[in-house]
Amino acid sequence: MEYNKDGAVRSKEISEKKFAAKDIWGAKKFSLKPQKLYPRLDGLHQMLETLDVYLSPEKKIGRKSDWYKILGVSPDANDDTLRRNYRKMALILHPDKKKSIGVDGAFKILSEA
């Protein structure tokens, strides 16, 4: 399969601009395109996880954020699953790792979960 790295980089840059303009849904839309064009693009996985975390608090149970969605587990998940998913996401989103858009804020949201 032939990959288009230039197109993927261009889409990632558009996604970063959308994020900077506080258009999280638009950023998510443009961040999915590089995944198809060039899945090994540096920082893409972290960017997708970051955007998912930013979009998760919009999904609510009543008036409260659905923290289970942020952690990517079902509400009936056991403690071990919660801890494992938290650690996995914390490693991906840690601000000291590869820098991606909004990592600091996403890590803060994850820490609240």
C-alpha atoms as a PDB file:
ATOM      1  CA  MET A   1       0.000   0.000   0.000  1.00  0.00           C
ATOM      2  CA  GLU A   2       1.286   3.425  -0.915  1.00  0.00           C
ATOM      3  CA  TYR A   3       1.295   6.130   1.754  1.00  0.00           C
ATOM      4  CA  ASN A   4       1.064   9.891   1.344  1.00  0.00           C
ATOM      5  CA  LYS A   5       3.242  11.412   4.064  1.00  0.00           C
ATOM      6  CA  ASP A   6       2.995  14.990   2.732  1.00  0.00           C
ATOM      7  CA  GLY A   7      -0.809  14.863   2.732  1.00  0.00           C
ATOM      8  CA  ALA A   8      -0.801  13.395   6.227  1.00  0.00           C
ATOM      9  CA  VAL A   9       1.499  16.140   7.534  1.00  0.00           C
ATOM     10  CA  ARG A  10      -0.681  18.792   5.911  1.00  0.00           C
ATOM     11  CA  SER A  11      -3.853  17.331   7.493  1.00  0.00           C
ATOM     12  CA  LYS A  12      -2.146  17.122  10.887  1.00  0.00           C
ATOM     13  CA  GLU A  13      -1.158  20.799  10.642  1.00  0.00           C
ATOM     14  CA  ILE A  14      -4.754  21.753   9.775  1.00  0.00           C
ATOM     15  CA  SER A  15      -5.923  19.727  12.767  1.00  0.00           C
ATOM     16  CA  GLU A  16      -3.488  21.584  15.035  1.00  0.00           C
ATOM     17  CA  LYS A  17      -4.781  24.932  13.737  1.00  0.00           C
ATOM     18  CA  LYS A  18      -8.381  23.849  14.360  1.00  0.00           C
ATOM     19  CA  PHE A  19      -7.437  22.832  17.894  1.00  0.00           C
ATOM     20  CA  ALA A  20      -5.737  26.181  18.507  1.00  0.00           C
ATOM     21  CA  ALA A  21      -8.965  27.861  17.349  1.00  0.00           C
ATOM     22  CA  LYS A  22     -10.875  25.756  19.939  1.00  0.00           C
ATOM     23  CA  ASP A  23     -12.626  23.733  17.201  1.00  0.00           C
ATOM     24  CA  ILE A  24     -12.091  20.318  18.803  1.00  0.00           C
ATOM     25  CA  TRP A  25     -14.542  18.475  16.523  1.00  0.00           C
ATOM     26  CA  GLY A  26     -12.894  19.982  13.434  1.00  0.00           C
ATOM     27  CA  ALA A  27      -9.482  19.040  14.793  1.00  0.00           C
ATOM     28  CA  LYS A  28     -10.673  15.466  15.340  1.00  0.00           C
ATOM     29  CA  LYS A  29     -12.037  15.307  11.785  1.00  0.00           C
ATOM     30  CA  PHE A  30      -8.739  16.436  10.270  1.00  0.00           C
ATOM     31  CA  SER A  31      -6.676  14.217  12.580  1.00  0.00           C
ATOM     32  CA  LEU A  32      -8.390  11.076  11.280  1.00  0.00           C
ATOM     33  CA  LYS A  33      -7.252  11.710   7.711  1.00  0.00           C
ATOM     34  CA  PRO A  34      -3.502  11.303   8.412  1.00  0.00           C
ATOM     35  CA  GLN A  35      -4.296   7.967  10.032  1.00  0.00           C
ATOM     36  CA  LYS A  36      -5.413   6.699   6.614  1.00  0.00           C
ATOM     37  CA  LEU A  37      -2.746   8.525   4.604  1.00  0.00           C
ATOM     38  CA  TYR A  38       0.318   7.721   6.726  1.00  0.00           C
ATOM     39  CA  PRO A  39      -0.478   5.805   9.957  1.00  0.00           C
ATOM     40  CA  ARG A  40       3.130   5.938  11.244  1.00  0.00           C
ATOM     41  CA  LEU A  41       3.231   9.740  11.335  1.00  0.00           C
ATOM     42  CA  ASP A  42       5.118  10.901  14.423  1.00  0.00           C
ATOM     43  CA  GLY A  43       2.841  12.101  17.226  1.00  0.00           C
ATOM     44  CA  LEU A  44      -0.377  11.045  15.483  1.00  0.00           C
ATOM     45  CA  HIS A  45      -1.418   8.443  18.065  1.00  0.00           C
ATOM     46  CA  GLN A  46      -0.867  10.900  20.919  1.00  0.00           C
ATOM     47  CA  MET A  47      -2.806  13.577  19.046  1.00  0.00           C
ATOM     48  CA  LEU A  48      -5.794  11.257  18.520  1.00  0.00           C
ATOM     49  CA  GLU A  49      -5.808  10.223  22.187  1.00  0.00           C
ATOM     50  CA  THR A  50      -5.551  13.868  23.256  1.00  0.00           C
ATOM     51  CA  LEU A  51      -8.517  14.889  21.125  1.00  0.00           C
ATOM     52  CA  ASP A  52     -10.555  11.939  22.408  1.00  0.00           C
ATOM     53  CA  VAL A  53      -9.900  13.064  25.983  1.00  0.00           C
ATOM     54  CA  TYR A  54     -10.958  16.631  25.162  1.00  0.00           C
ATOM     55  CA  LEU A  55     -14.165  15.368  23.553  1.00  0.00           C
ATOM     56  CA  SER A  56     -15.004  12.882  26.320  1.00  0.00           C
ATOM     57  CA  PRO A  57     -16.239  15.375  28.963  1.00  0.00           C
ATOM     58  CA  GLU A  58     -18.886  16.509  26.475  1.00  0.00           C
ATOM     59  CA  LYS A  59     -20.489  13.094  26.908  1.00  0.00           C
ATOM     60  CA  LYS A  60     -22.379  13.403  30.137  1.00  0.00           C
ATOM     61  CA  ILE A  61     -24.414  11.283  32.491  1.00  0.00           C
ATOM     62  CA  GLY A  62     -27.015  13.706  33.756  1.00  0.00           C
ATOM     63  CA  ARG A  63     -25.021  16.868  34.427  1.00  0.00           C
ATOM     64  CA  LYS A  64     -21.723  15.197  35.257  1.00  0.00           C
ATOM     65  CA  SER A  65     -18.945  14.190  32.872  1.00  0.00           C
ATOM     66  CA  ASP A  66     -18.766  10.499  32.038  1.00  0.00           C
ATOM     67  CA  TRP A  67     -15.312   9.729  33.420  1.00  0.00           C
ATOM     68  CA  TYR A  68     -15.603   6.131  32.216  1.00  0.00           C
ATOM     69  CA  LYS A  69     -15.657   7.407  28.618  1.00  0.00           C
ATOM     70  CA  ILE A  70     -12.475   9.367  29.274  1.00  0.00           C
ATOM     71  CA  LEU A  71     -10.784   6.197  30.506  1.00  0.00           C
ATOM     72  CA  GLY A  72     -12.280   4.174  27.648  1.00  0.00           C
ATOM     73  CA  VAL A  73     -14.024   1.617  29.864  1.00  0.00           C
ATOM     74  CA  SER A  74     -17.595   0.621  30.599  1.00  0.00           C
ATOM     75  CA  PRO A  75     -19.234   1.783  33.858  1.00  0.00           C
ATOM     76  CA  ASP A  76     -19.207  -1.776  35.197  1.00  0.00           C
ATOM     77  CA  ALA A  77     -15.434  -2.196  34.720  1.00  0.00           C
ATOM     78  CA  ASN A  78     -13.501  -3.532  37.689  1.00  0.00           C
ATOM     79  CA  ASP A  79     -10.778  -1.615  39.530  1.00  0.00           C
ATOM     80  CA  ASP A  80      -7.936  -3.415  37.751  1.00  0.00           C
ATOM     81  CA  THR A  81      -9.301  -2.431  34.338  1.00  0.00           C
ATOM     82  CA  LEU A  82      -9.719   1.183  35.470  1.00  0.00           C
ATOM     83  CA  ARG A  83      -6.145   1.335  36.762  1.00  0.00           C
ATOM     84  CA  ARG A  84      -4.711  -0.356  33.659  1.00  0.00           C
ATOM     85  CA  ASN A  85      -6.499   2.025  31.265  1.00  0.00           C
ATOM     86  CA  TYR A  86      -5.548   5.045  33.369  1.00  0.00           C
ATOM     87  CA  ARG A  87      -1.861   4.049  33.341  1.00  0.00           C
ATOM     88  CA  LYS A  88      -1.919   3.325  29.611  1.00  0.00           C
ATOM     89  CA  MET A  89      -3.479   6.697  28.820  1.00  0.00           C
ATOM     90  CA  ALA A  90      -1.233   8.517  31.290  1.00  0.00           C
ATOM     91  CA  LEU A  91       1.824   7.136  29.481  1.00  0.00           C
ATOM     92  CA  ILE A  92       0.454   8.256  26.119  1.00  0.00           C
ATOM     93  CA  LEU A  93      -0.645  11.700  27.305  1.00  0.00           C
ATOM     94  CA  HIS A  94       2.158  12.549  29.713  1.00  0.00           C
ATOM     95  CA  PRO A  95       3.416  16.077  28.935  1.00  0.00           C
ATOM     96  CA  ASP A  96       7.064  15.007  29.225  1.00  0.00           C
ATOM     97  CA  LYS A  97       6.636  12.556  26.338  1.00  0.00           C
ATOM     98  CA  LYS A  98       6.440  13.606  22.695  1.00  0.00           C
ATOM     99  CA  LYS A  99       4.791  16.996  22.528  1.00  0.00           C
ATOM    100  CA  SER A 100       1.472  17.147  20.732  1.00  0.00           C
ATOM    101  CA  ILE A 101      -1.298  19.697  20.730  1.00  0.00           C
ATOM    102  CA  GLY A 102      -3.137  20.053  24.019  1.00  0.00           C
ATOM    103  CA  VAL A 103      -1.308  17.287  25.867  1.00  0.00           C
ATOM    104  CA  ASP A 104      -1.085  19.327  29.082  1.00  0.00           C
ATOM    105  CA  GLY A 105      -4.838  19.920  29.183  1.00  0.00           C
ATOM    106  CA  ALA A 106      -5.682  16.339  28.231  1.00  0.00           C
ATOM    107  CA  PHE A 107      -3.423  15.016  30.982  1.00  0.00           C
ATOM    108  CA  LYS A 108      -5.154  17.327  33.461  1.00  0.00           C
ATOM    109  CA  ILE A 109      -8.602  16.049  32.379  1.00  0.00           C
ATOM    110  CA  LEU A 110      -7.355  12.460  32.654  1.00  0.00           C
ATOM    111  CA  SER A 111      -6.024  13.155  36.154  1.00  0.00           C
ATOM    112  CA  GLU A 112      -9.473  14.341  37.234  1.00  0.00           C
ATOM    113  CA  ALA A 113     -11.084  11.085  36.049  1.00  0.00           C
END
